[in-house]
Amino acid sequence: DLYKLITAGAHGIVTSNVARLESCMENKTVFAKNSLVRPINIIGHRGIPHLAPENTIVGSQMAANYGANIIENDIYLTTDGVIVVMHDPTINRTTNGSGEIEKMSYAQLQQYVVDYYGGYREKIPTLEDYFKAFKGTGVNLFIEIKTQNTAIVPKLKELIDKYDIQDQCCVISFHLAQLKEVRTHIPGISGGLLTAVTSVESMLQTTSQWNTTYNPGHSGLTEDILEDCSYRGVSMWPWTLDPSSLFNEYFAMGTWGITTNRSDFVQNYVERLYTTANSYTVTVGGTKAVTVRKETYSGAVSTTTSAAMYVV
């Protein structure tokens, strides 16, 4: 029963025999070093900006194809009330035009394209474009409210309700005023506070007050802090980690999700393992060779016969 609970991915197990549970978890015959019992979420930061224009549908779909199961984007409100996706408050850096987004209408913004050296010429997308593209796909959206204009939140609620997509959305922001508006208008939606690592006590107080996850810059986030917050029901979602030993270090820590510009980095990482049969006959004290199906973050499936089942 303990092995069943551990491998189900339980966040915690209540037991009167701690020593027995520890012996199960520390059994090196069963669990290899750095074993994880839950897949790590991969968050495509603005899509996959080193391969396709940032904050565009084409770039976001590419990130998902490589292995991101969450796409992060940034939103502003036009003068005529349309929610558009772009990181900067102006279109100067990423398009062939210039000007402040929130001083322009949607029609004005559609005159320009997101320019990119790879030959892409994408129109500035709306959040509605994202909902149309990802509704029902299994890919979730981290919607970062970049603007400080609180009028965007009722518009966001309207759009979420229209597409019935609340279960695929998490609203994140650096602005506490915006998270307060989100709690007023969309109280049941998942929310995340973008901030820095502080003391565990402070992080617990903040997340309790705003009913959010904690989404810090990765600097200062240690395994001890991650564990302490996890025990108290607070999930941590560090940003932004690109291919490096540090990325793998946070991955192996078992954090809830990692924001990265390079979701292609994990395309061949194994996300899930399945045995090809539901039951096996094994003698006590013996082993049985089994065929295991591996599924990577990018969805590639292969099988291996180099696995063994033990009766413990």
C-alpha atoms as a PDB file:
ATOM      1  CA  ASP A   1       0.000   0.000   0.000  1.00  0.00           C
ATOM      2  CA  LEU A   2       2.851   2.400   0.771  1.00  0.00           C
ATOM      3  CA  TYR A   3       4.499   1.743  -2.596  1.00  0.00           C
ATOM      4  CA  LYS A   4       1.151   2.299  -4.306  1.00  0.00           C
ATOM      5  CA  LEU A   5       0.732   5.662  -2.547  1.00  0.00           C
ATOM      6  CA  ILE A   6       4.306   6.779  -3.284  1.00  0.00           C
ATOM      7  CA  THR A   7       4.122   5.942  -6.981  1.00  0.00           C
ATOM      8  CA  ALA A   8       0.663   7.531  -7.289  1.00  0.00           C
ATOM      9  CA  GLY A   9       2.408  10.863  -6.696  1.00  0.00           C
ATOM     10  CA  ALA A  10       0.837  11.674  -3.334  1.00  0.00           C
ATOM     11  CA  HIS A  11       1.982  15.017  -1.949  1.00  0.00           C
ATOM     12  CA  GLY A  12       2.063  13.578   1.556  1.00  0.00           C
ATOM     13  CA  ILE A  13       1.309  10.290   3.315  1.00  0.00           C
ATOM     14  CA  VAL A  14      -0.110  10.000   6.835  1.00  0.00           C
ATOM     15  CA  THR A  15       1.283   6.923   8.575  1.00  0.00           C
ATOM     16  CA  SER A  16       1.791   5.549  12.075  1.00  0.00           C
ATOM     17  CA  ASN A  17       4.948   3.768  10.900  1.00  0.00           C
ATOM     18  CA  VAL A  18       7.342   6.409   9.610  1.00  0.00           C
ATOM     19  CA  ALA A  19      10.291   4.014   9.618  1.00  0.00           C
ATOM     20  CA  ARG A  20       8.505   1.636   7.244  1.00  0.00           C
ATOM     21  CA  LEU A  21       7.609   4.477   4.870  1.00  0.00           C
ATOM     22  CA  GLU A  22      11.199   5.742   4.896  1.00  0.00           C
ATOM     23  CA  SER A  23      12.524   2.255   4.165  1.00  0.00           C
ATOM     24  CA  CYS A  24      10.218   2.076   1.136  1.00  0.00           C
ATOM     25  CA  MET A  25      11.269   5.502  -0.172  1.00  0.00           C
ATOM     26  CA  GLU A  26      14.963   4.763   0.371  1.00  0.00           C
ATOM     27  CA  ASN A  27      14.868   1.324  -1.277  1.00  0.00           C
ATOM     28  CA  LYS A  28      17.482   1.718  -4.013  1.00  0.00           C
ATOM     29  CA  THR A  29      16.326  -1.503  -5.651  1.00  0.00           C
ATOM     30  CA  VAL A  30      12.980   0.136  -6.351  1.00  0.00           C
ATOM     31  CA  PHE A  31      13.844   3.800  -6.799  1.00  0.00           C
ATOM     32  CA  ALA A  32      16.881   4.979  -8.714  1.00  0.00           C
ATOM     33  CA  LYS A  33      18.678   8.121  -7.550  1.00  0.00           C
ATOM     34  CA  ASN A  34      16.685  11.285  -8.337  1.00  0.00           C
ATOM     35  CA  SER A  35      13.484   9.344  -9.024  1.00  0.00           C
ATOM     36  CA  LEU A  36      10.450  11.606  -9.459  1.00  0.00           C
ATOM     37  CA  VAL A  37       6.893  10.465  -8.797  1.00  0.00           C
ATOM     38  CA  ARG A  38       5.255  13.394 -10.639  1.00  0.00           C
ATOM     39  CA  PRO A  39       6.180  14.870 -14.023  1.00  0.00           C
ATOM     40  CA  ILE A  40       7.685  18.366 -13.880  1.00  0.00           C
ATOM     41  CA  ASN A  41       5.601  20.944 -15.749  1.00  0.00           C
ATOM     42  CA  ILE A  42       7.505  22.749 -18.506  1.00  0.00           C
ATOM     43  CA  ILE A  43       6.378  26.340 -19.120  1.00  0.00           C
ATOM     44  CA  GLY A  44       7.263  27.834 -22.497  1.00  0.00           C
ATOM     45  CA  HIS A  45       8.321  31.409 -21.730  1.00  0.00           C
ATOM     46  CA  ARG A  46       6.589  33.550 -24.384  1.00  0.00           C
ATOM     47  CA  GLY A  47       6.579  30.369 -26.472  1.00  0.00           C
ATOM     48  CA  ILE A  48      10.015  29.394 -27.734  1.00  0.00           C
ATOM     49  CA  PRO A  49      11.681  32.696 -28.663  1.00  0.00           C
ATOM     50  CA  HIS A  50      14.966  31.337 -30.015  1.00  0.00           C
ATOM     51  CA  LEU A  51      13.107  29.455 -32.777  1.00  0.00           C
ATOM     52  CA  ALA A  52      10.010  31.566 -33.487  1.00  0.00           C
ATOM     53  CA  PRO A  53       8.764  35.058 -32.631  1.00  0.00           C
ATOM     54  CA  GLU A  54       7.965  35.477 -28.964  1.00  0.00           C
ATOM     55  CA  ASN A  55       4.335  35.754 -27.819  1.00  0.00           C
ATOM     56  CA  THR A  56       2.889  34.430 -31.068  1.00  0.00           C
ATOM     57  CA  ILE A  57       0.642  31.457 -31.782  1.00  0.00           C
ATOM     58  CA  VAL A  58       3.207  29.830 -34.084  1.00  0.00           C
ATOM     59  CA  GLY A  59       5.924  30.104 -31.429  1.00  0.00           C
ATOM     60  CA  SER A  60       3.633  28.844 -28.671  1.00  0.00           C
ATOM     61  CA  GLN A  61       2.482  25.847 -30.692  1.00  0.00           C
ATOM     62  CA  MET A  62       6.105  25.044 -31.484  1.00  0.00           C
ATOM     63  CA  ALA A  63       6.980  25.177 -27.772  1.00  0.00           C
ATOM     64  CA  ALA A  64       4.119  22.785 -27.011  1.00  0.00           C
ATOM     65  CA  ASN A  65       5.249  20.397 -29.749  1.00  0.00           C
ATOM     66  CA  TYR A  66       8.723  20.271 -28.210  1.00  0.00           C
ATOM     67  CA  GLY A  67       7.420  19.499 -24.735  1.00  0.00           C
ATOM     68  CA  ALA A  68       5.946  22.536 -22.967  1.00  0.00           C
ATOM     69  CA  ASN A  69       2.624  21.624 -21.375  1.00  0.00           C
ATOM     70  CA  ILE A  70       2.081  25.231 -20.240  1.00  0.00           C
ATOM     71  CA  ILE A  71       2.536  28.375 -22.345  1.00  0.00           C
ATOM     72  CA  GLU A  72       3.295  31.713 -20.693  1.00  0.00           C
ATOM     73  CA  ASN A  73       2.187  34.937 -22.368  1.00  0.00           C
ATOM     74  CA  ASP A  74       1.817  38.629 -21.483  1.00  0.00           C
ATOM     75  CA  ILE A  75      -1.276  40.787 -21.922  1.00  0.00           C
ATOM     76  CA  TYR A  76      -2.282  44.442 -22.395  1.00  0.00           C
ATOM     77  CA  LEU A  77      -5.573  46.191 -23.198  1.00  0.00           C
ATOM     78  CA  THR A  78      -6.102  48.265 -26.348  1.00  0.00           C
ATOM     79  CA  THR A  79      -8.081  51.508 -26.387  1.00  0.00           C
ATOM     80  CA  ASP A  80     -11.104  49.623 -27.749  1.00  0.00           C
ATOM     81  CA  GLY A  81     -11.003  46.911 -25.083  1.00  0.00           C
ATOM     82  CA  VAL A  82      -9.221  44.057 -26.867  1.00  0.00           C
ATOM     83  CA  ILE A  83      -6.729  41.959 -24.890  1.00  0.00           C
ATOM     84  CA  VAL A  84      -3.543  41.573 -26.951  1.00  0.00           C
ATOM     85  CA  VAL A  85      -0.446  39.486 -26.264  1.00  0.00           C
ATOM     86  CA  MET A  86       2.953  41.176 -26.087  1.00  0.00           C
ATOM     87  CA  HIS A  87       5.705  41.434 -23.500  1.00  0.00           C
ATOM     88  CA  ASP A  88       6.700  45.100 -23.778  1.00  0.00           C
ATOM     89  CA  PRO A  89       4.362  48.081 -23.258  1.00  0.00           C
ATOM     90  CA  THR A  90       5.385  49.236 -26.753  1.00  0.00           C
ATOM     91  CA  ILE A  91       5.588  47.418 -30.069  1.00  0.00           C
ATOM     92  CA  ASN A  92       8.990  48.918 -30.833  1.00  0.00           C
ATOM     93  CA  ARG A  93      11.246  45.944 -30.052  1.00  0.00           C
ATOM     94  CA  THR A  94       9.326  43.052 -31.562  1.00  0.00           C
ATOM     95  CA  THR A  95       7.417  44.485 -34.540  1.00  0.00           C
ATOM     96  CA  ASN A  96       8.024  46.583 -37.644  1.00  0.00           C
ATOM     97  CA  GLY A  97       6.170  49.473 -36.020  1.00  0.00           C
ATOM     98  CA  SER A  98       6.355  51.694 -32.969  1.00  0.00           C
ATOM     99  CA  GLY A  99       4.043  53.078 -30.318  1.00  0.00           C
ATOM    100  CA  GLU A 100       2.452  52.287 -26.963  1.00  0.00           C
ATOM    101  CA  ILE A 101       0.029  49.374 -27.062  1.00  0.00           C
ATOM    102  CA  GLU A 102      -2.470  50.916 -24.658  1.00  0.00           C
ATOM    103  CA  LYS A 103      -2.673  54.112 -26.701  1.00  0.00           C
ATOM    104  CA  MET A 104      -3.601  52.188 -29.854  1.00  0.00           C
ATOM    105  CA  SER A 105      -6.713  50.399 -31.073  1.00  0.00           C
ATOM    106  CA  TYR A 106      -6.725  46.772 -32.138  1.00  0.00           C
ATOM    107  CA  ALA A 107      -7.169  47.857 -35.775  1.00  0.00           C
ATOM    108  CA  GLN A 108      -4.086  50.082 -35.525  1.00  0.00           C
ATOM    109  CA  LEU A 109      -2.017  47.223 -34.080  1.00  0.00           C
ATOM    110  CA  GLN A 110      -3.076  44.909 -36.900  1.00  0.00           C
ATOM    111  CA  GLN A 111      -1.205  47.118 -39.363  1.00  0.00           C
ATOM    112  CA  TYR A 112       2.060  45.697 -38.017  1.00  0.00           C
ATOM    113  CA  VAL A 113       3.711  42.289 -37.880  1.00  0.00           C
ATOM    114  CA  VAL A 114       5.942  40.618 -35.340  1.00  0.00           C
ATOM    115  CA  ASP A 115       9.213  40.739 -37.245  1.00  0.00           C
ATOM    116  CA  TYR A 116      11.726  37.940 -36.874  1.00  0.00           C
ATOM    117  CA  TYR A 117      14.991  36.943 -38.516  1.00  0.00           C
ATOM    118  CA  GLY A 118      13.679  33.459 -39.340  1.00  0.00           C
ATOM    119  CA  GLY A 119      11.271  34.827 -41.903  1.00  0.00           C
ATOM    120  CA  TYR A 120       8.111  34.746 -39.791  1.00  0.00           C
ATOM    121  CA  ARG A 121       5.639  37.582 -40.263  1.00  0.00           C
ATOM    122  CA  GLU A 122       2.995  37.094 -37.589  1.00  0.00           C
ATOM    123  CA  LYS A 123       0.200  39.502 -36.717  1.00  0.00           C
ATOM    124  CA  ILE A 124       0.095  40.679 -33.100  1.00  0.00           C
ATOM    125  CA  PRO A 125      -2.135  38.029 -31.496  1.00  0.00           C
ATOM    126  CA  THR A 126      -5.044  38.515 -29.138  1.00  0.00           C
ATOM    127  CA  LEU A 127      -5.620  36.386 -26.064  1.00  0.00           C
ATOM    128  CA  GLU A 128      -8.751  35.146 -27.858  1.00  0.00           C
ATOM    129  CA  ASP A 129      -6.464  33.762 -30.586  1.00  0.00           C
ATOM    130  CA  TYR A 130      -4.687  31.743 -27.869  1.00  0.00           C
ATOM    131  CA  PHE A 131      -7.974  30.430 -26.497  1.00  0.00           C
ATOM    132  CA  LYS A 132      -9.033  29.318 -29.971  1.00  0.00           C
ATOM    133  CA  ALA A 133      -5.677  27.625 -30.570  1.00  0.00           C
ATOM    134  CA  PHE A 134      -5.321  25.797 -27.251  1.00  0.00           C
ATOM    135  CA  LYS A 135      -8.867  25.123 -26.016  1.00  0.00           C
ATOM    136  CA  GLY A 136      -9.168  21.392 -25.296  1.00  0.00           C
ATOM    137  CA  THR A 137      -5.596  20.549 -26.306  1.00  0.00           C
ATOM    138  CA  GLY A 138      -4.323  19.713 -22.808  1.00  0.00           C
ATOM    139  CA  VAL A 139      -1.914  22.662 -22.950  1.00  0.00           C
ATOM    140  CA  ASN A 140      -2.501  25.196 -20.171  1.00  0.00           C
ATOM    141  CA  LEU A 141      -1.871  28.947 -20.263  1.00  0.00           C
ATOM    142  CA  PHE A 142      -0.018  31.146 -17.785  1.00  0.00           C
ATOM    143  CA  ILE A 143      -1.558  34.546 -18.523  1.00  0.00           C
ATOM    144  CA  GLU A 144       0.658  37.296 -17.148  1.00  0.00           C
ATOM    145  CA  ILE A 145      -1.075  40.636 -16.618  1.00  0.00           C
ATOM    146  CA  LYS A 146       1.649  43.104 -17.582  1.00  0.00           C
ATOM    147  CA  THR A 147      -0.522  46.220 -17.594  1.00  0.00           C
ATOM    148  CA  GLN A 148      -1.469  48.065 -14.426  1.00  0.00           C
ATOM    149  CA  ASN A 149      -4.810  49.032 -15.974  1.00  0.00           C
ATOM    150  CA  THR A 150      -7.343  47.147 -13.816  1.00  0.00           C
ATOM    151  CA  ALA A 151      -9.984  47.436 -16.560  1.00  0.00           C
ATOM    152  CA  ILE A 152      -8.337  44.424 -18.183  1.00  0.00           C
ATOM    153  CA  VAL A 153      -9.586  41.981 -15.523  1.00  0.00           C
ATOM    154  CA  PRO A 154     -13.353  42.192 -16.282  1.00  0.00           C
ATOM    155  CA  LYS A 155     -12.479  41.830 -19.984  1.00  0.00           C
ATOM    156  CA  LEU A 156     -10.376  38.780 -19.119  1.00  0.00           C
ATOM    157  CA  LYS A 157     -13.307  37.246 -17.233  1.00  0.00           C
ATOM    158  CA  GLU A 158     -15.620  37.811 -20.209  1.00  0.00           C
ATOM    159  CA  LEU A 159     -13.193  36.058 -22.528  1.00  0.00           C
ATOM    160  CA  ILE A 160     -12.584  33.134 -20.164  1.00  0.00           C
ATOM    161  CA  ASP A 161     -16.336  32.661 -19.697  1.00  0.00           C
ATOM    162  CA  LYS A 162     -16.963  32.868 -23.451  1.00  0.00           C
ATOM    163  CA  TYR A 163     -14.584  29.979 -24.137  1.00  0.00           C
ATOM    164  CA  ASP A 164     -15.264  28.107 -20.875  1.00  0.00           C
ATOM    165  CA  ILE A 165     -11.504  27.747 -20.463  1.00  0.00           C
ATOM    166  CA  GLN A 166     -10.937  28.580 -16.783  1.00  0.00           C
ATOM    167  CA  ASP A 167      -9.582  25.093 -16.080  1.00  0.00           C
ATOM    168  CA  GLN A 168      -6.758  25.692 -18.590  1.00  0.00           C
ATOM    169  CA  CYS A 169      -5.763  29.114 -17.258  1.00  0.00           C
ATOM    170  CA  CYS A 170      -3.619  30.488 -14.456  1.00  0.00           C
ATOM    171  CA  VAL A 171      -3.421  34.269 -14.097  1.00  0.00           C
ATOM    172  CA  ILE A 172      -0.030  35.516 -12.899  1.00  0.00           C
ATOM    173  CA  SER A 173       1.311  38.996 -12.219  1.00  0.00           C
ATOM    174  CA  PHE A 174       3.917  41.084 -10.422  1.00  0.00           C
ATOM    175  CA  HIS A 175       1.137  43.553  -9.578  1.00  0.00           C
ATOM    176  CA  LEU A 176      -0.705  42.730  -6.349  1.00  0.00           C
ATOM    177  CA  ALA A 177      -3.484  45.169  -7.294  1.00  0.00           C
ATOM    178  CA  GLN A 178      -4.194  43.075 -10.384  1.00  0.00           C
ATOM    179  CA  LEU A 179      -4.249  39.824  -8.408  1.00  0.00           C
ATOM    180  CA  LYS A 180      -6.731  41.452  -6.027  1.00  0.00           C
ATOM    181  CA  GLU A 181      -8.934  42.334  -9.018  1.00  0.00           C
ATOM    182  CA  VAL A 182      -8.626  38.757 -10.278  1.00  0.00           C
ATOM    183  CA  ARG A 183      -9.794  37.429  -6.905  1.00  0.00           C
ATOM    184  CA  THR A 184     -12.776  39.834  -7.021  1.00  0.00           C
ATOM    185  CA  HIS A 185     -13.881  39.065 -10.576  1.00  0.00           C
ATOM    186  CA  ILE A 186     -12.639  35.480 -11.137  1.00  0.00           C
ATOM    187  CA  PRO A 187     -12.375  34.083  -7.582  1.00  0.00           C
ATOM    188  CA  GLY A 188     -12.075  30.431  -8.576  1.00  0.00           C
ATOM    189  CA  ILE A 189      -9.235  30.740 -11.069  1.00  0.00           C
ATOM    190  CA  SER A 190      -5.691  29.618 -10.336  1.00  0.00           C
ATOM    191  CA  GLY A 191      -3.365  32.546  -9.621  1.00  0.00           C
ATOM    192  CA  GLY A 192       0.356  33.024  -9.241  1.00  0.00           C
ATOM    193  CA  LEU A 193       2.419  35.826  -7.697  1.00  0.00           C
ATOM    194  CA  LEU A 194       5.566  36.737  -9.634  1.00  0.00           C
ATOM    195  CA  THR A 195       8.190  37.868  -7.160  1.00  0.00           C
ATOM    196  CA  ALA A 196      11.499  36.982  -5.515  1.00  0.00           C
ATOM    197  CA  VAL A 197      12.426  34.334  -2.955  1.00  0.00           C
ATOM    198  CA  THR A 198      12.096  35.659   0.596  1.00  0.00           C
ATOM    199  CA  SER A 199      11.720  33.936   3.962  1.00  0.00           C
ATOM    200  CA  VAL A 200       9.419  30.920   4.135  1.00  0.00           C
ATOM    201  CA  GLU A 201       7.222  32.741   6.669  1.00  0.00           C
ATOM    202  CA  SER A 202       6.832  35.742   4.374  1.00  0.00           C
ATOM    203  CA  MET A 203       6.073  33.564   1.356  1.00  0.00           C
ATOM    204  CA  LEU A 204       3.420  31.642   3.290  1.00  0.00           C
ATOM    205  CA  GLN A 205       1.769  34.868   4.473  1.00  0.00           C
ATOM    206  CA  THR A 206       1.741  36.306   0.956  1.00  0.00           C
ATOM    207  CA  THR A 207       0.264  33.258  -0.740  1.00  0.00           C
ATOM    208  CA  SER A 208      -2.336  32.862   2.011  1.00  0.00           C
ATOM    209  CA  GLN A 209      -3.403  36.497   1.642  1.00  0.00           C
ATOM    210  CA  TRP A 210      -3.754  36.389  -2.136  1.00  0.00           C
ATOM    211  CA  ASN A 211      -4.646  32.706  -2.567  1.00  0.00           C
ATOM    212  CA  THR A 212      -1.886  32.137  -5.114  1.00  0.00           C
ATOM    213  CA  THR A 213       1.028  29.930  -5.946  1.00  0.00           C
ATOM    214  CA  TYR A 214       4.523  31.390  -5.496  1.00  0.00           C
ATOM    215  CA  ASN A 215       6.315  32.061  -8.786  1.00  0.00           C
ATOM    216  CA  PRO A 216       9.785  33.405  -7.953  1.00  0.00           C
ATOM    217  CA  GLY A 217      12.893  34.145  -9.940  1.00  0.00           C
ATOM    218  CA  HIS A 218      15.016  31.034  -9.415  1.00  0.00           C
ATOM    219  CA  SER A 219      17.815  32.843  -7.576  1.00  0.00           C
ATOM    220  CA  GLY A 220      17.814  31.877  -3.918  1.00  0.00           C
ATOM    221  CA  LEU A 221      15.365  28.998  -4.276  1.00  0.00           C
ATOM    222  CA  THR A 222      16.891  26.004  -2.492  1.00  0.00           C
ATOM    223  CA  GLU A 223      15.728  22.449  -2.028  1.00  0.00           C
ATOM    224  CA  ASP A 224      15.073  23.155   1.665  1.00  0.00           C
ATOM    225  CA  ILE A 225      12.820  26.137   0.851  1.00  0.00           C
ATOM    226  CA  LEU A 226      11.008  24.124  -1.802  1.00  0.00           C
ATOM    227  CA  GLU A 227      10.428  21.304   0.681  1.00  0.00           C
ATOM    228  CA  ASP A 228       9.327  23.593   3.525  1.00  0.00           C
ATOM    229  CA  CYS A 229       6.774  25.328   1.295  1.00  0.00           C
ATOM    230  CA  SER A 230       5.592  22.032  -0.183  1.00  0.00           C
ATOM    231  CA  TYR A 231       4.852  20.640   3.283  1.00  0.00           C
ATOM    232  CA  ARG A 232       2.628  23.676   3.872  1.00  0.00           C
ATOM    233  CA  GLY A 233       0.711  23.355   0.621  1.00  0.00           C
ATOM    234  CA  VAL A 234       2.462  26.110  -1.358  1.00  0.00           C
ATOM    235  CA  SER A 235       3.736  25.193  -4.814  1.00  0.00           C
ATOM    236  CA  MET A 236       6.780  26.938  -6.324  1.00  0.00           C
ATOM    237  CA  TRP A 237       7.200  27.747 -10.029  1.00  0.00           C
ATOM    238  CA  PRO A 238      10.681  29.259 -10.669  1.00  0.00           C
ATOM    239  CA  TRP A 239      11.667  31.293 -13.732  1.00  0.00           C
ATOM    240  CA  THR A 240      13.513  31.565 -16.101  1.00  0.00           C
ATOM    241  CA  LEU A 241      15.852  28.577 -16.484  1.00  0.00           C
ATOM    242  CA  ASP A 242      17.416  27.674 -19.807  1.00  0.00           C
ATOM    243  CA  PRO A 243      19.584  24.644 -20.714  1.00  0.00           C
ATOM    244  CA  SER A 244      22.233  24.230 -18.040  1.00  0.00           C
ATOM    245  CA  SER A 245      23.227  22.118 -15.085  1.00  0.00           C
ATOM    246  CA  LEU A 246      21.084  24.530 -13.032  1.00  0.00           C
ATOM    247  CA  PHE A 247      18.003  23.617 -15.079  1.00  0.00           C
ATOM    248  CA  ASN A 248      18.615  19.933 -14.369  1.00  0.00           C
ATOM    249  CA  GLU A 249      19.236  20.678 -10.703  1.00  0.00           C
ATOM    250  CA  TYR A 250      15.814  22.331 -10.325  1.00  0.00           C
ATOM    251  CA  PHE A 251      14.214  19.608 -12.427  1.00  0.00           C
ATOM    252  CA  ALA A 252      15.612  16.925 -10.111  1.00  0.00           C
ATOM    253  CA  MET A 253      14.432  18.859  -7.034  1.00  0.00           C
ATOM    254  CA  GLY A 254      10.880  18.078  -8.072  1.00  0.00           C
ATOM    255  CA  THR A 255       9.649  21.657  -8.312  1.00  0.00           C
ATOM    256  CA  TRP A 256       6.111  21.985  -9.726  1.00  0.00           C
ATOM    257  CA  GLY A 257       7.121  23.623 -12.970  1.00  0.00           C
ATOM    258  CA  ILE A 258      10.047  25.368 -14.658  1.00  0.00           C
ATOM    259  CA  THR A 259       9.695  28.371 -16.944  1.00  0.00           C
ATOM    260  CA  THR A 260      12.158  28.242 -19.823  1.00  0.00           C
ATOM    261  CA  ASN A 261      12.854  29.821 -23.207  1.00  0.00           C
ATOM    262  CA  ARG A 262      14.044  26.411 -24.411  1.00  0.00           C
ATOM    263  CA  SER A 263      11.311  23.803 -24.102  1.00  0.00           C
ATOM    264  CA  ASP A 264      13.151  21.913 -26.864  1.00  0.00           C
ATOM    265  CA  PHE A 265      15.779  21.147 -24.203  1.00  0.00           C
ATOM    266  CA  VAL A 266      13.444  18.578 -22.614  1.00  0.00           C
ATOM    267  CA  GLN A 267      11.978  17.083 -25.784  1.00  0.00           C
ATOM    268  CA  ASN A 268      13.746  13.745 -25.156  1.00  0.00           C
ATOM    269  CA  TYR A 269      13.333  13.701 -21.368  1.00  0.00           C
ATOM    270  CA  VAL A 270      11.087  10.825 -20.309  1.00  0.00           C
ATOM    271  CA  GLU A 271       7.858  12.213 -18.867  1.00  0.00           C
ATOM    272  CA  ARG A 272       5.961   8.987 -18.170  1.00  0.00           C
ATOM    273  CA  LEU A 273       6.579   5.241 -17.984  1.00  0.00           C
ATOM    274  CA  TYR A 274       3.959   2.545 -18.561  1.00  0.00           C
ATOM    275  CA  THR A 275       4.202  -1.225 -18.349  1.00  0.00           C
ATOM    276  CA  THR A 276       2.695  -3.013 -21.331  1.00  0.00           C
ATOM    277  CA  ALA A 277       0.687  -5.393 -19.133  1.00  0.00           C
ATOM    278  CA  ASN A 278      -1.501  -4.771 -16.096  1.00  0.00           C
ATOM    279  CA  SER A 279      -0.294  -7.788 -14.128  1.00  0.00           C
ATOM    280  CA  TYR A 280       2.709 -10.124 -13.936  1.00  0.00           C
ATOM    281  CA  THR A 281       3.448 -13.364 -12.118  1.00  0.00           C
ATOM    282  CA  VAL A 282       6.699 -13.157 -10.200  1.00  0.00           C
ATOM    283  CA  THR A 283       8.111 -15.587  -7.643  1.00  0.00           C
ATOM    284  CA  VAL A 284       8.819 -14.228  -4.183  1.00  0.00           C
ATOM    285  CA  GLY A 285      12.395 -13.033  -4.026  1.00  0.00           C
ATOM    286  CA  GLY A 286      12.709 -13.274  -7.800  1.00  0.00           C
ATOM    287  CA  THR A 287      12.587 -10.861 -10.729  1.00  0.00           C
ATOM    288  CA  LYS A 288      10.725 -10.636 -14.005  1.00  0.00           C
ATOM    289  CA  ALA A 289      11.819  -8.896 -17.197  1.00  0.00           C
ATOM    290  CA  VAL A 290       9.100  -6.498 -18.323  1.00  0.00           C
ATOM    291  CA  THR A 291       8.518  -4.338 -21.354  1.00  0.00           C
ATOM    292  CA  VAL A 292       8.108  -0.675 -20.505  1.00  0.00           C
ATOM    293  CA  ARG A 293       6.692   2.033 -22.754  1.00  0.00           C
ATOM    294  CA  LYS A 294       8.406   5.407 -22.473  1.00  0.00           C
ATOM    295  CA  GLU A 295       6.734   8.675 -23.432  1.00  0.00           C
ATOM    296  CA  THR A 296       8.888  11.796 -23.765  1.00  0.00           C
ATOM    297  CA  TYR A 297       7.862  15.410 -23.205  1.00  0.00           C
ATOM    298  CA  SER A 298       7.544  15.877 -26.957  1.00  0.00           C
ATOM    299  CA  GLY A 299       5.196  12.888 -27.168  1.00  0.00           C
ATOM    300  CA  ALA A 300       7.589  10.390 -28.756  1.00  0.00           C
ATOM    301  CA  VAL A 301       6.856   6.827 -27.650  1.00  0.00           C
ATOM    302  CA  SER A 302       9.300   3.915 -27.504  1.00  0.00           C
ATOM    303  CA  THR A 303       9.630   0.632 -25.635  1.00  0.00           C
ATOM    304  CA  THR A 304      12.447  -0.998 -23.724  1.00  0.00           C
ATOM    305  CA  THR A 305      12.951  -4.538 -22.471  1.00  0.00           C
ATOM    306  CA  SER A 306      15.756  -3.645 -20.107  1.00  0.00           C
ATOM    307  CA  ALA A 307      13.401  -3.178 -17.146  1.00  0.00           C
ATOM    308  CA  ALA A 308      12.926  -5.663 -14.322  1.00  0.00           C
ATOM    309  CA  MET A 309      10.155  -6.146 -11.773  1.00  0.00           C
ATOM    310  CA  TYR A 310      11.059  -7.107  -8.213  1.00  0.00           C
ATOM    311  CA  VAL A 311       8.917  -8.543  -5.455  1.00  0.00           C
ATOM    312  CA  VAL A 312       9.894  -6.501  -2.384  1.00  0.00           C
END
